[in-house]
C-alpha atoms as a PDB file:
ATOM      1  CA  UNK A   1     131.469 154.657  99.866  1.00  0.00           C
ATOM      2  CA  UNK A   2     130.551 155.569 103.433  1.00  0.00           C
ATOM      3  CA  UNK A   3     127.662 153.965 105.242  1.00  0.00           C
ATOM      4  CA  UNK A   4     125.165 156.696 106.092  1.00  0.00           C
ATOM      5  CA  UNK A   5     122.983 154.583 108.325  1.00  0.00           C
ATOM      6  CA  UNK A   6     124.239 152.227 111.019  1.00  0.00           C
ATOM      7  CA  UNK A   7     122.580 149.185 112.524  1.00  0.00           C
ATOM      8  CA  UNK A   8     123.680 147.318 115.677  1.00  0.00           C
ATOM      9  CA  UNK A   9     123.975 144.026 113.769  1.00  0.00           C
ATOM     10  CA  UNK A  10     126.385 145.446 111.177  1.00  0.00           C
ATOM     11  CA  UNK A  11     129.392 143.038 111.418  1.00  0.00           C
ATOM     12  CA  UNK A  12     131.769 146.005 111.101  1.00  0.00           C
ATOM     13  CA  UNK A  13     130.742 147.232 114.560  1.00  0.00           C
ATOM     14  CA  UNK A  14     131.927 143.981 116.121  1.00  0.00           C
ATOM     15  CA  UNK A  15     135.169 144.081 114.133  1.00  0.00           C
ATOM     16  CA  UNK A  16     135.964 147.563 115.469  1.00  0.00           C
ATOM     17  CA  UNK A  17     134.873 146.780 119.048  1.00  0.00           C
ATOM     18  CA  UNK A  18     137.054 143.650 119.086  1.00  0.00           C
ATOM     19  CA  UNK A  19     139.912 145.343 117.165  1.00  0.00           C
ATOM     20  CA  UNK A  20     140.128 142.421 114.758  1.00  0.00           C
ATOM     21  CA  UNK A  21     143.343 142.425 112.709  1.00  0.00           C
ATOM     22  CA  UNK A  22     141.642 140.144 110.191  1.00  0.00           C
ATOM     23  CA  UNK A  23     139.270 142.979 109.239  1.00  0.00           C
ATOM     24  CA  UNK A  24     142.120 145.316 108.279  1.00  0.00           C
ATOM     25  CA  UNK A  25     141.933 146.094 104.585  1.00  0.00           C
ATOM     26  CA  UNK A  26     138.229 145.305 104.351  1.00  0.00           C
ATOM     27  CA  UNK A  27     137.185 148.817 105.464  1.00  0.00           C
ATOM     28  CA  UNK A  28     138.232 151.801 107.573  1.00  0.00           C
ATOM     29  CA  UNK A  29     136.222 153.845 110.041  1.00  0.00           C
ATOM     30  CA  UNK A  30     136.288 157.566 110.712  1.00  0.00           C
ATOM     31  CA  UNK A  31     135.534 159.517 113.897  1.00  0.00           C
ATOM     32  CA  UNK A  32     133.524 162.697 113.375  1.00  0.00           C
ATOM     33  CA  UNK A  33     134.764 164.379 116.566  1.00  0.00           C
ATOM     34  CA  UNK A  34     138.468 163.995 115.769  1.00  0.00           C
ATOM     35  CA  UNK A  35     138.453 164.125 111.984  1.00  0.00           C
ATOM     36  CA  UNK A  36     140.650 161.041 111.674  1.00  0.00           C
ATOM     37  CA  UNK A  37     140.105 157.580 110.247  1.00  0.00           C
ATOM     38  CA  UNK A  38     141.502 154.245 111.481  1.00  0.00           C
ATOM     39  CA  UNK A  39     141.865 150.609 110.554  1.00  0.00           C
ATOM     40  CA  UNK A  40     139.567 148.186 112.478  1.00  0.00           C
ATOM     41  CA  UNK A  41     142.421 146.902 114.676  1.00  0.00           C
ATOM     42  CA  UNK A  42     143.498 150.362 115.845  1.00  0.00           C
ATOM     43  CA  UNK A  43     144.347 150.247 119.596  1.00  0.00           C
ATOM     44  CA  UNK A  44     143.173 153.835 120.160  1.00  0.00           C
ATOM     45  CA  UNK A  45     140.377 154.545 122.595  1.00  0.00           C
ATOM     46  CA  UNK A  46     137.016 153.510 121.163  1.00  0.00           C
ATOM     47  CA  UNK A  47     134.770 156.300 119.894  1.00  0.00           C
ATOM     48  CA  UNK A  48     131.052 156.516 120.524  1.00  0.00           C
ATOM     49  CA  UNK A  49     129.025 154.697 117.841  1.00  0.00           C
ATOM     50  CA  UNK A  50     127.119 157.781 116.766  1.00  0.00           C
ATOM     51  CA  UNK A  51     130.429 159.463 115.883  1.00  0.00           C
ATOM     52  CA  UNK A  52     131.666 156.659 113.626  1.00  0.00           C
ATOM     53  CA  UNK A  53     131.303 156.334 109.862  1.00  0.00           C
ATOM     54  CA  UNK A  54     132.552 153.451 107.705  1.00  0.00           C
ATOM     55  CA  UNK A  55     134.376 153.673 104.376  1.00  0.00           C
ATOM     56  CA  UNK A  56     135.419 150.933 101.974  1.00  0.00           C
ATOM     57  CA  UNK A  57     138.852 152.452 101.338  1.00  0.00           C
ATOM     58  CA  UNK A  58     141.254 155.018 102.853  1.00  0.00           C
ATOM     59  CA  UNK A  59     140.915 157.090  99.656  1.00  0.00           C
ATOM     60  CA  UNK A  60     137.166 157.476 100.251  1.00  0.00           C
ATOM     61  CA  UNK A  61     137.760 158.531 103.858  1.00  0.00           C
ATOM     62  CA  UNK A  62     140.275 161.164 102.763  1.00  0.00           C
ATOM     63  CA  UNK A  63     137.964 162.434 100.036  1.00  0.00           C
ATOM     64  CA  UNK A  64     135.383 162.974 102.789  1.00  0.00           C
ATOM     65  CA  UNK A  65     137.872 165.167 104.668  1.00  0.00           C
ATOM     66  CA  UNK A  66     139.343 162.743 107.218  1.00  0.00           C
ATOM     67  CA  UNK A  67     143.076 162.296 107.840  1.00  0.00           C
ATOM     68  CA  UNK A  68     144.849 159.014 108.654  1.00  0.00           C
ATOM     69  CA  UNK A  69     145.487 157.998 112.253  1.00  0.00           C
ATOM     70  CA  UNK A  70     149.184 158.333 113.148  1.00  0.00           C
ATOM     71  CA  UNK A  71     148.959 155.334 115.457  1.00  0.00           C
ATOM     72  CA  UNK A  72     147.560 152.604 113.194  1.00  0.00           C
ATOM     73  CA  UNK A  73     148.547 154.172 109.821  1.00  0.00           C
ATOM     74  CA  UNK A  74     145.470 153.035 107.869  1.00  0.00           C
ATOM     75  CA  UNK A  75     146.845 154.637 104.698  1.00  0.00           C
ATOM     76  CA  UNK A  76     149.617 152.061 104.620  1.00  0.00           C
ATOM     77  CA  UNK A  77     149.523 148.318 104.212  1.00  0.00           C
ATOM     78  CA  UNK A  78     149.092 146.369 107.430  1.00  0.00           C
ATOM     79  CA  UNK A  79     151.376 143.388 108.140  1.00  0.00           C
ATOM     80  CA  UNK A  80     148.503 141.095 107.181  1.00  0.00           C
ATOM     81  CA  UNK A  81     147.999 142.952 103.904  1.00  0.00           C
ATOM     82  CA  UNK A  82     151.717 142.694 103.180  1.00  0.00           C
ATOM     83  CA  UNK A  83     151.504 138.952 103.804  1.00  0.00           C
ATOM     84  CA  UNK A  84     148.434 138.658 101.574  1.00  0.00           C
ATOM     85  CA  UNK A  85     150.229 140.561  98.802  1.00  0.00           C
ATOM     86  CA  UNK A  86     153.230 138.253  99.105  1.00  0.00           C
ATOM     87  CA  UNK A  87     151.007 135.191  98.905  1.00  0.00           C
ATOM     88  CA  UNK A  88     149.172 136.650  95.901  1.00  0.00           C
ATOM     89  CA  UNK A  89     152.549 136.939  94.130  1.00  0.00           C
ATOM     90  CA  UNK A  90     153.332 133.327  95.053  1.00  0.00           C
ATOM     91  CA  UNK A  91     149.982 132.276  93.572  1.00  0.00           C
ATOM     92  CA  UNK A  92     150.822 134.041  90.312  1.00  0.00           C
ATOM     93  CA  UNK A  93     154.194 132.280  90.292  1.00  0.00           C
ATOM     94  CA  UNK A  94     152.553 128.873  90.832  1.00  0.00           C
ATOM     95  CA  UNK A  95     150.072 129.574  88.033  1.00  0.00           C
ATOM     96  CA  UNK A  96     152.772 130.532  85.516  1.00  0.00           C
ATOM     97  CA  UNK A  97     155.328 127.848  86.414  1.00  0.00           C
ATOM     98  CA  UNK A  98     155.732 124.899  84.042  1.00  0.00           C
ATOM     99  CA  UNK A  99     156.245 122.580  87.024  1.00  0.00           C
ATOM    100  CA  UNK A 100     154.756 123.053  90.526  1.00  0.00           C
ATOM    101  CA  UNK A 101     157.357 124.955  92.627  1.00  0.00           C
ATOM    102  CA  UNK A 102     158.649 123.211  95.721  1.00  0.00           C
ATOM    103  CA  UNK A 103     157.840 124.502  99.192  1.00  0.00           C
ATOM    104  CA  UNK A 104     161.524 125.406  99.605  1.00  0.00           C
ATOM    105  CA  UNK A 105     161.465 127.544  96.436  1.00  0.00           C
ATOM    106  CA  UNK A 106     158.298 129.374  97.515  1.00  0.00           C
ATOM    107  CA  UNK A 107     159.731 129.969 100.984  1.00  0.00           C
ATOM    108  CA  UNK A 108     162.877 131.526  99.476  1.00  0.00           C
ATOM    109  CA  UNK A 109     160.777 133.813  97.268  1.00  0.00           C
ATOM    110  CA  UNK A 110     158.758 134.980 100.271  1.00  0.00           C
ATOM    111  CA  UNK A 111     161.714 135.213 102.631  1.00  0.00           C
ATOM    112  CA  UNK A 112     159.866 133.040 105.146  1.00  0.00           C
ATOM    113  CA  UNK A 113     160.445 129.674 106.739  1.00  0.00           C
ATOM    114  CA  UNK A 114     158.703 126.692 105.154  1.00  0.00           C
ATOM    115  CA  UNK A 115     156.525 126.267 108.252  1.00  0.00           C
ATOM    116  CA  UNK A 116     155.444 129.920 108.298  1.00  0.00           C
ATOM    117  CA  UNK A 117     154.762 129.898 104.554  1.00  0.00           C
ATOM    118  CA  UNK A 118     152.609 126.777 104.822  1.00  0.00           C
ATOM    119  CA  UNK A 119     150.581 128.243 107.683  1.00  0.00           C
ATOM    120  CA  UNK A 120     150.069 131.721 106.192  1.00  0.00           C
ATOM    121  CA  UNK A 121     149.360 130.429 102.662  1.00  0.00           C
ATOM    122  CA  UNK A 122     146.548 128.211 103.919  1.00  0.00           C
ATOM    123  CA  UNK A 123     145.173 130.968 106.153  1.00  0.00           C
ATOM    124  CA  UNK A 124     144.890 133.343 103.181  1.00  0.00           C
ATOM    125  CA  UNK A 125     143.850 130.986 100.375  1.00  0.00           C
ATOM    126  CA  UNK A 126     142.200 128.122 102.248  1.00  0.00           C
ATOM    127  CA  UNK A 127     144.594 125.700 100.487  1.00  0.00           C
ATOM    128  CA  UNK A 128     148.150 124.515 101.086  1.00  0.00           C
ATOM    129  CA  UNK A 129     150.681 125.471  98.377  1.00  0.00           C
ATOM    130  CA  UNK A 130     150.626 121.868  97.190  1.00  0.00           C
ATOM    131  CA  UNK A 131     146.819 121.779  96.969  1.00  0.00           C
ATOM    132  CA  UNK A 132     146.791 125.149  95.218  1.00  0.00           C
ATOM    133  CA  UNK A 133     149.274 123.888  92.612  1.00  0.00           C
ATOM    134  CA  UNK A 134     147.122 120.776  92.128  1.00  0.00           C
ATOM    135  CA  UNK A 135     144.046 122.937  91.594  1.00  0.00           C
ATOM    136  CA  UNK A 136     145.938 125.042  89.039  1.00  0.00           C
ATOM    137  CA  UNK A 137     146.976 121.946  87.098  1.00  0.00           C
ATOM    138  CA  UNK A 138     143.438 120.603  87.319  1.00  0.00           C
ATOM    139  CA  UNK A 139     142.172 123.809  85.716  1.00  0.00           C
ATOM    140  CA  UNK A 140     144.748 123.505  82.939  1.00  0.00           C
ATOM    141  CA  UNK A 141     143.680 119.925  82.252  1.00  0.00           C
ATOM    142  CA  UNK A 142     140.004 120.939  82.122  1.00  0.00           C
ATOM    143  CA  UNK A 143     140.683 123.778  79.698  1.00  0.00           C
ATOM    144  CA  UNK A 144     142.856 121.590  77.465  1.00  0.00           C
ATOM    145  CA  UNK A 145     140.265 118.811  77.354  1.00  0.00           C
ATOM    146  CA  UNK A 146     137.489 121.328  76.681  1.00  0.00           C
ATOM    147  CA  UNK A 147     139.558 122.768  73.821  1.00  0.00           C
ATOM    148  CA  UNK A 148     139.731 119.351  72.169  1.00  0.00           C
ATOM    149  CA  UNK A 149     143.191 118.207  73.207  1.00  0.00           C
ATOM    150  CA  UNK A 150     143.758 114.488  73.591  1.00  0.00           C
ATOM    151  CA  UNK A 151     144.045 113.147  77.111  1.00  0.00           C
ATOM    152  CA  UNK A 152     147.809 112.658  76.690  1.00  0.00           C
ATOM    153  CA  UNK A 153     148.277 116.196  75.325  1.00  0.00           C
ATOM    154  CA  UNK A 154     146.243 117.668  78.186  1.00  0.00           C
ATOM    155  CA  UNK A 155     148.288 115.780  80.769  1.00  0.00           C
ATOM    156  CA  UNK A 156     151.674 116.965  79.519  1.00  0.00           C
ATOM    157  CA  UNK A 157     150.524 120.492  78.668  1.00  0.00           C
ATOM    158  CA  UNK A 158     149.422 120.843  82.295  1.00  0.00           C
ATOM    159  CA  UNK A 159     152.849 120.073  83.728  1.00  0.00           C
ATOM    160  CA  UNK A 160     152.605 116.395  84.630  1.00  0.00           C
ATOM    161  CA  UNK A 161     155.866 114.514  84.109  1.00  0.00           C
ATOM    162  CA  UNK A 162     154.092 111.220  83.583  1.00  0.00           C
ATOM    163  CA  UNK A 163     150.604 110.038  82.810  1.00  0.00           C
ATOM    164  CA  UNK A 164     150.807 107.624  85.728  1.00  0.00           C
ATOM    165  CA  UNK A 165     151.149 110.484  88.236  1.00  0.00           C
ATOM    166  CA  UNK A 166     148.107 112.198  86.746  1.00  0.00           C
ATOM    167  CA  UNK A 167     145.921 109.097  86.657  1.00  0.00           C
ATOM    168  CA  UNK A 168     146.639 108.497  90.349  1.00  0.00           C
ATOM    169  CA  UNK A 169     144.771 111.731  91.111  1.00  0.00           C
ATOM    170  CA  UNK A 170     142.441 112.099  88.120  1.00  0.00           C
ATOM    171  CA  UNK A 171     139.313 111.066  90.005  1.00  0.00           C
ATOM    172  CA  UNK A 172     139.935 113.650  92.692  1.00  0.00           C
ATOM    173  CA  UNK A 173     140.810 116.370  90.166  1.00  0.00           C
ATOM    174  CA  UNK A 174     138.033 115.780  87.638  1.00  0.00           C
ATOM    175  CA  UNK A 175     135.511 113.646  89.514  1.00  0.00           C
ATOM    176  CA  UNK A 176     135.929 110.949  86.856  1.00  0.00           C
ATOM    177  CA  UNK A 177     138.500 109.599  84.433  1.00  0.00           C
ATOM    178  CA  UNK A 178     139.855 112.202  81.954  1.00  0.00           C
ATOM    179  CA  UNK A 179     138.455 110.318  78.976  1.00  0.00           C
ATOM    180  CA  UNK A 180     134.988 110.397  80.518  1.00  0.00           C
ATOM    181  CA  UNK A 181     135.376 114.088  81.350  1.00  0.00           C
ATOM    182  CA  UNK A 182     136.401 114.856  77.742  1.00  0.00           C
ATOM    183  CA  UNK A 183     133.362 112.907  76.528  1.00  0.00           C
ATOM    184  CA  UNK A 184     130.995 115.014  78.623  1.00  0.00           C
ATOM    185  CA  UNK A 185     130.756 112.576  81.507  1.00  0.00           C
ATOM    186  CA  UNK A 186     130.160 109.407  79.499  1.00  0.00           C
ATOM    187  CA  UNK A 187     129.653 106.468  81.844  1.00  0.00           C
ATOM    188  CA  UNK A 188     129.527 108.628  84.974  1.00  0.00           C
ATOM    189  CA  UNK A 189     126.610 108.005  87.329  1.00  0.00           C
ATOM    190  CA  UNK A 190     124.970 111.115  88.788  1.00  0.00           C
ATOM    191  CA  UNK A 191     121.976 110.571  91.048  1.00  0.00           C
ATOM    192  CA  UNK A 192     119.501 113.411  91.335  1.00  0.00           C
ATOM    193  CA  UNK A 193     116.079 114.330  92.619  1.00  0.00           C
ATOM    194  CA  UNK A 194     113.848 117.398  92.538  1.00  0.00           C
ATOM    195  CA  UNK A 195     111.877 118.589  95.539  1.00  0.00           C
ATOM    196  CA  UNK A 196     110.159 121.711  96.800  1.00  0.00           C
ATOM    197  CA  UNK A 197     111.218 124.312  99.334  1.00  0.00           C
ATOM    198  CA  UNK A 198     110.044 127.784 100.287  1.00  0.00           C
ATOM    199  CA  UNK A 199     112.133 129.226  97.429  1.00  0.00           C
ATOM    200  CA  UNK A 200     110.511 127.043  94.757  1.00  0.00           C
ATOM    201  CA  UNK A 201     111.807 123.901  93.101  1.00  0.00           C
ATOM    202  CA  UNK A 202     115.152 122.516  94.269  1.00  0.00           C
ATOM    203  CA  UNK A 203     117.369 119.974  92.498  1.00  0.00           C
ATOM    204  CA  UNK A 204     120.038 118.032  94.351  1.00  0.00           C
ATOM    205  CA  UNK A 205     122.576 115.919  92.456  1.00  0.00           C
ATOM    206  CA  UNK A 206     125.298 113.660  93.810  1.00  0.00           C
ATOM    207  CA  UNK A 207     128.333 112.064  92.186  1.00  0.00           C
ATOM    208  CA  UNK A 208     130.562 109.422  93.733  1.00  0.00           C
ATOM    209  CA  UNK A 209     132.468 112.166  95.528  1.00  0.00           C
ATOM    210  CA  UNK A 210     129.531 114.014  97.051  1.00  0.00           C
ATOM    211  CA  UNK A 211     126.846 116.587  96.301  1.00  0.00           C
ATOM    212  CA  UNK A 212     127.784 118.200  92.974  1.00  0.00           C
ATOM    213  CA  UNK A 213     124.753 120.458  92.395  1.00  0.00           C
ATOM    214  CA  UNK A 214     122.095 122.285  94.412  1.00  0.00           C
ATOM    215  CA  UNK A 215     119.926 124.345  92.079  1.00  0.00           C
ATOM    216  CA  UNK A 216     116.872 126.540  92.674  1.00  0.00           C
ATOM    217  CA  UNK A 217     114.198 127.611  90.214  1.00  0.00           C
ATOM    218  CA  UNK A 218     110.535 127.773  89.291  1.00  0.00           C
ATOM    219  CA  UNK A 219     110.456 124.951  86.723  1.00  0.00           C
ATOM    220  CA  UNK A 220     111.659 121.521  87.953  1.00  0.00           C
ATOM    221  CA  UNK A 221     112.181 120.326  84.383  1.00  0.00           C
ATOM    222  CA  UNK A 222     114.391 123.307  83.589  1.00  0.00           C
ATOM    223  CA  UNK A 223     116.623 122.360  86.529  1.00  0.00           C
ATOM    224  CA  UNK A 224     116.958 118.820  85.144  1.00  0.00           C
ATOM    225  CA  UNK A 225     117.818 120.183  81.683  1.00  0.00           C
ATOM    226  CA  UNK A 226     120.521 122.363  83.239  1.00  0.00           C
ATOM    227  CA  UNK A 227     122.059 119.286  84.859  1.00  0.00           C
ATOM    228  CA  UNK A 228     121.907 117.453  81.528  1.00  0.00           C
ATOM    229  CA  UNK A 229     123.677 120.346  79.814  1.00  0.00           C
ATOM    230  CA  UNK A 230     126.504 120.189  82.338  1.00  0.00           C
ATOM    231  CA  UNK A 231     127.184 116.488  81.659  1.00  0.00           C
ATOM    232  CA  UNK A 232     125.327 115.633  78.449  1.00  0.00           C
ATOM    233  CA  UNK A 233     126.626 112.048  78.323  1.00  0.00           C
ATOM    234  CA  UNK A 234     126.475 111.138  82.010  1.00  0.00           C
ATOM    235  CA  UNK A 235     124.088 108.553  83.400  1.00  0.00           C
ATOM    236  CA  UNK A 236     121.493 110.654  85.209  1.00  0.00           C
ATOM    237  CA  UNK A 237     119.739 108.392  87.678  1.00  0.00           C
ATOM    238  CA  UNK A 238     116.519 109.461  89.400  1.00  0.00           C
ATOM    239  CA  UNK A 239     116.899 109.203  93.144  1.00  0.00           C
ATOM    240  CA  UNK A 240     115.215 106.481  95.180  1.00  0.00           C
ATOM    241  CA  UNK A 241     113.583 106.836  98.604  1.00  0.00           C
ATOM    242  CA  UNK A 242     116.961 106.893 100.355  1.00  0.00           C
ATOM    243  CA  UNK A 243     118.199 109.665  98.077  1.00  0.00           C
ATOM    244  CA  UNK A 244     115.021 111.656  98.694  1.00  0.00           C
ATOM    245  CA  UNK A 245     115.908 111.613 102.394  1.00  0.00           C
ATOM    246  CA  UNK A 246     119.189 113.305 101.458  1.00  0.00           C
ATOM    247  CA  UNK A 247     117.207 115.891  99.493  1.00  0.00           C
ATOM    248  CA  UNK A 248     115.102 116.487 102.608  1.00  0.00           C
ATOM    249  CA  UNK A 249     118.277 117.213 104.579  1.00  0.00           C
ATOM    250  CA  UNK A 250     119.366 119.735 101.956  1.00  0.00           C
ATOM    251  CA  UNK A 251     115.916 121.362 101.995  1.00  0.00           C
ATOM    252  CA  UNK A 252     116.150 121.626 105.793  1.00  0.00           C
ATOM    253  CA  UNK A 253     119.517 123.335 105.402  1.00  0.00           C
ATOM    254  CA  UNK A 254     118.098 125.799 102.860  1.00  0.00           C
ATOM    255  CA  UNK A 255     115.284 126.650 105.272  1.00  0.00           C
ATOM    256  CA  UNK A 256     117.635 126.969 108.283  1.00  0.00           C
ATOM    257  CA  UNK A 257     121.265 127.530 107.174  1.00  0.00           C
ATOM    258  CA  UNK A 258     122.446 127.892 110.768  1.00  0.00           C
ATOM    259  CA  UNK A 259     121.922 124.126 111.189  1.00  0.00           C
ATOM    260  CA  UNK A 260     124.818 123.423 108.820  1.00  0.00           C
ATOM    261  CA  UNK A 261     125.117 120.799 106.092  1.00  0.00           C
ATOM    262  CA  UNK A 262     127.244 117.884 107.242  1.00  0.00           C
ATOM    263  CA  UNK A 263     127.477 116.172 103.860  1.00  0.00           C
ATOM    264  CA  UNK A 264     130.431 115.658 101.472  1.00  0.00           C
ATOM    265  CA  UNK A 265     130.542 118.147  98.612  1.00  0.00           C
ATOM    266  CA  UNK A 266     131.938 117.547  95.133  1.00  0.00           C
ATOM    267  CA  UNK A 267     133.423 120.986  94.508  1.00  0.00           C
ATOM    268  CA  UNK A 268     134.979 121.433  91.068  1.00  0.00           C
ATOM    269  CA  UNK A 269     136.449 124.659  89.797  1.00  0.00           C
ATOM    270  CA  UNK A 270     139.579 126.572  88.930  1.00  0.00           C
ATOM    271  CA  UNK A 271     142.143 127.367  91.597  1.00  0.00           C
ATOM    272  CA  UNK A 272     140.827 130.916  91.913  1.00  0.00           C
ATOM    273  CA  UNK A 273     137.210 129.781  92.106  1.00  0.00           C
ATOM    274  CA  UNK A 274     138.091 127.343  94.871  1.00  0.00           C
ATOM    275  CA  UNK A 275     139.811 130.122  96.820  1.00  0.00           C
ATOM    276  CA  UNK A 276     136.702 132.301  96.514  1.00  0.00           C
ATOM    277  CA  UNK A 277     134.343 129.481  97.453  1.00  0.00           C
ATOM    278  CA  UNK A 278     136.484 128.511 100.450  1.00  0.00           C
ATOM    279  CA  UNK A 279     136.332 132.094 101.718  1.00  0.00           C
ATOM    280  CA  UNK A 280     132.561 132.304 101.161  1.00  0.00           C
ATOM    281  CA  UNK A 281     132.010 129.195 103.276  1.00  0.00           C
ATOM    282  CA  UNK A 282     133.655 131.068 106.165  1.00  0.00           C
ATOM    283  CA  UNK A 283     131.036 133.875 106.151  1.00  0.00           C
ATOM    284  CA  UNK A 284     128.661 133.192 109.079  1.00  0.00           C
ATOM    285  CA  UNK A 285     124.880 133.245 108.525  1.00  0.00           C
ATOM    286  CA  UNK A 286     123.509 136.738 108.952  1.00  0.00           C
ATOM    287  CA  UNK A 287     126.684 138.446 107.733  1.00  0.00           C
ATOM    288  CA  UNK A 288     127.707 139.668 104.292  1.00  0.00           C
ATOM    289  CA  UNK A 289     130.818 140.793 102.447  1.00  0.00           C
ATOM    290  CA  UNK A 290     131.044 142.966  99.369  1.00  0.00           C
ATOM    291  CA  UNK A 291     132.690 141.677  96.200  1.00  0.00           C
ATOM    292  CA  UNK A 292     135.479 144.202  96.861  1.00  0.00           C
ATOM    293  CA  UNK A 293     135.968 142.904 100.417  1.00  0.00           C
ATOM    294  CA  UNK A 294     136.258 139.333  99.169  1.00  0.00           C
ATOM    295  CA  UNK A 295     138.854 140.409  96.600  1.00  0.00           C
ATOM    296  CA  UNK A 296     140.851 142.240  99.281  1.00  0.00           C
ATOM    297  CA  UNK A 297     140.804 139.244 101.603  1.00  0.00           C
ATOM    298  CA  UNK A 298     142.165 137.127  98.775  1.00  0.00           C
ATOM    299  CA  UNK A 299     145.064 139.550  98.478  1.00  0.00           C
ATOM    300  CA  UNK A 300     143.992 140.841  95.062  1.00  0.00           C
ATOM    301  CA  UNK A 301     141.878 144.035  95.378  1.00  0.00           C
ATOM    302  CA  UNK A 302     141.610 144.350  91.593  1.00  0.00           C
ATOM    303  CA  UNK A 303     139.905 140.965  91.216  1.00  0.00           C
ATOM    304  CA  UNK A 304     136.370 142.205  91.929  1.00  0.00           C
ATOM    305  CA  UNK A 305     135.011 141.039  88.569  1.00  0.00           C
ATOM    306  CA  UNK A 306     136.753 137.692  88.915  1.00  0.00           C
ATOM    307  CA  UNK A 307     135.141 137.258  92.348  1.00  0.00           C
ATOM    308  CA  UNK A 308     131.745 138.015  90.823  1.00  0.00           C
ATOM    309  CA  UNK A 309     132.489 135.462  88.098  1.00  0.00           C
ATOM    310  CA  UNK A 310     133.354 132.807  90.668  1.00  0.00           C
ATOM    311  CA  UNK A 311     130.094 133.499  92.496  1.00  0.00           C
ATOM    312  CA  UNK A 312     128.190 133.152  89.212  1.00  0.00           C
ATOM    313  CA  UNK A 313     129.942 129.820  88.495  1.00  0.00           C
ATOM    314  CA  UNK A 314     128.901 128.329  91.841  1.00  0.00           C
ATOM    315  CA  UNK A 315     126.600 125.303  91.373  1.00  0.00           C
ATOM    316  CA  UNK A 316     125.974 124.608  95.072  1.00  0.00           C
ATOM    317  CA  UNK A 317     123.298 127.054  96.224  1.00  0.00           C
ATOM    318  CA  UNK A 318     123.493 127.922  99.942  1.00  0.00           C
ATOM    319  CA  UNK A 319     126.143 125.235 100.595  1.00  0.00           C
ATOM    320  CA  UNK A 320     128.611 127.721  99.072  1.00  0.00           C
ATOM    321  CA  UNK A 321     126.832 130.886 100.260  1.00  0.00           C
ATOM    322  CA  UNK A 322     127.435 133.278  97.379  1.00  0.00           C
ATOM    323  CA  UNK A 323     124.147 134.942  98.420  1.00  0.00           C
ATOM    324  CA  UNK A 324     126.150 136.526 101.268  1.00  0.00           C
ATOM    325  CA  UNK A 325     128.194 138.582  98.793  1.00  0.00           C
ATOM    326  CA  UNK A 326     126.684 141.977  97.969  1.00  0.00           C
ATOM    327  CA  UNK A 327     127.629 145.237  96.276  1.00  0.00           C
ATOM    328  CA  UNK A 328     129.719 147.767  98.207  1.00  0.00           C
ATOM    329  CA  UNK A 329     126.590 149.862  98.801  1.00  0.00           C
ATOM    330  CA  UNK A 330     124.770 146.849 100.232  1.00  0.00           C
ATOM    331  CA  UNK A 331     122.659 146.324  97.127  1.00  0.00           C
ATOM    332  CA  UNK A 332     121.807 142.875  95.820  1.00  0.00           C
ATOM    333  CA  UNK A 333     122.847 141.702  92.369  1.00  0.00           C
ATOM    334  CA  UNK A 334     124.297 138.864  90.375  1.00  0.00           C
ATOM    335  CA  UNK A 335     122.687 135.803  91.959  1.00  0.00           C
ATOM    336  CA  UNK A 336     122.576 132.719  89.750  1.00  0.00           C
ATOM    337  CA  UNK A 337     119.133 131.712  91.060  1.00  0.00           C
ATOM    338  CA  UNK A 338     117.533 135.175  91.104  1.00  0.00           C
ATOM    339  CA  UNK A 339     117.903 138.318  93.194  1.00  0.00           C
ATOM    340  CA  UNK A 340     114.601 137.734  95.009  1.00  0.00           C
ATOM    341  CA  UNK A 341     115.833 134.369  96.270  1.00  0.00           C
ATOM    342  CA  UNK A 342     119.042 136.058  97.379  1.00  0.00           C
ATOM    343  CA  UNK A 343     117.006 138.623  99.308  1.00  0.00           C
ATOM    344  CA  UNK A 344     114.855 135.900 100.876  1.00  0.00           C
ATOM    345  CA  UNK A 345     117.913 133.919 101.990  1.00  0.00           C
ATOM    346  CA  UNK A 346     119.500 136.959 103.592  1.00  0.00           C
ATOM    347  CA  UNK A 347     116.278 137.990 105.318  1.00  0.00           C
ATOM    348  CA  UNK A 348     115.788 134.575 106.935  1.00  0.00           C
ATOM    349  CA  UNK A 349     119.375 134.654 108.232  1.00  0.00           C
ATOM    350  CA  UNK A 350     119.025 137.981 110.031  1.00  0.00           C
END
């Protein structure tokens, strides 16, 4: 829907002023004095701000009575959108293949060189084709183990030719050995501590690989129970003084996100979730994207609900800034740690 009120700090203004090709597909803008609408990268002469209105889609602009610009053709796919659609098809192919496709096979499907495919695939998804295939197989292993399959069954059902190849990467894929993962984290050490910040209680947990949970809430004990539910058989170890210093760094980041969080993260999720989370980490403080915009940037405009699901599955508050994803009308909803905390985080970033 169109934005009826405009503010100077709206990130769409900058995208239009700078004619950013990367913003194409996220929205279009119309010009009241000409009756046309354009894509953000349109090279036409810039209109005065008071004459511009934004729309999420070309269809909405046309329903409002505007016609497409003949120069930038906003009613057609841009080259970037065509590339994103091609990569989305490659992702579906990787997900359905019994064995991970080679780079040469993917390049032939796309009609691109291997170098160009590698570069564009990572630009769109945040992962190389090889890493994306590994994330897909990791998700298959997780689902098979969760469904009760034996470790050997899960390995071969997920497309590994040998157990040795899987075990070489099992720690990176699961954060622990597969047998421990299947047993709910048995024998895995997870250090944690609970502190206080301006948003209430905060729990920080760390595995061998990095920070695996940042949770917010009112009841510190409830946060601990949530961690226990995630890995019921893990060794939860209360943090010492050194660990509490790490918690202090995380609290400082929550209070001032612009400072950044230079700490390793243990990010576990499906291939799609990792794509969403990678994109969210690229949203600067003070800016937001709608769920629809995130789906479009991933090359799958129909995946709005899946994007919302990935945001809901995020266990690293603020570090993966799902609070910067809002409804198309700018409204706040769907925050794992409460809408009021989402509003507070956004307000302190503006």
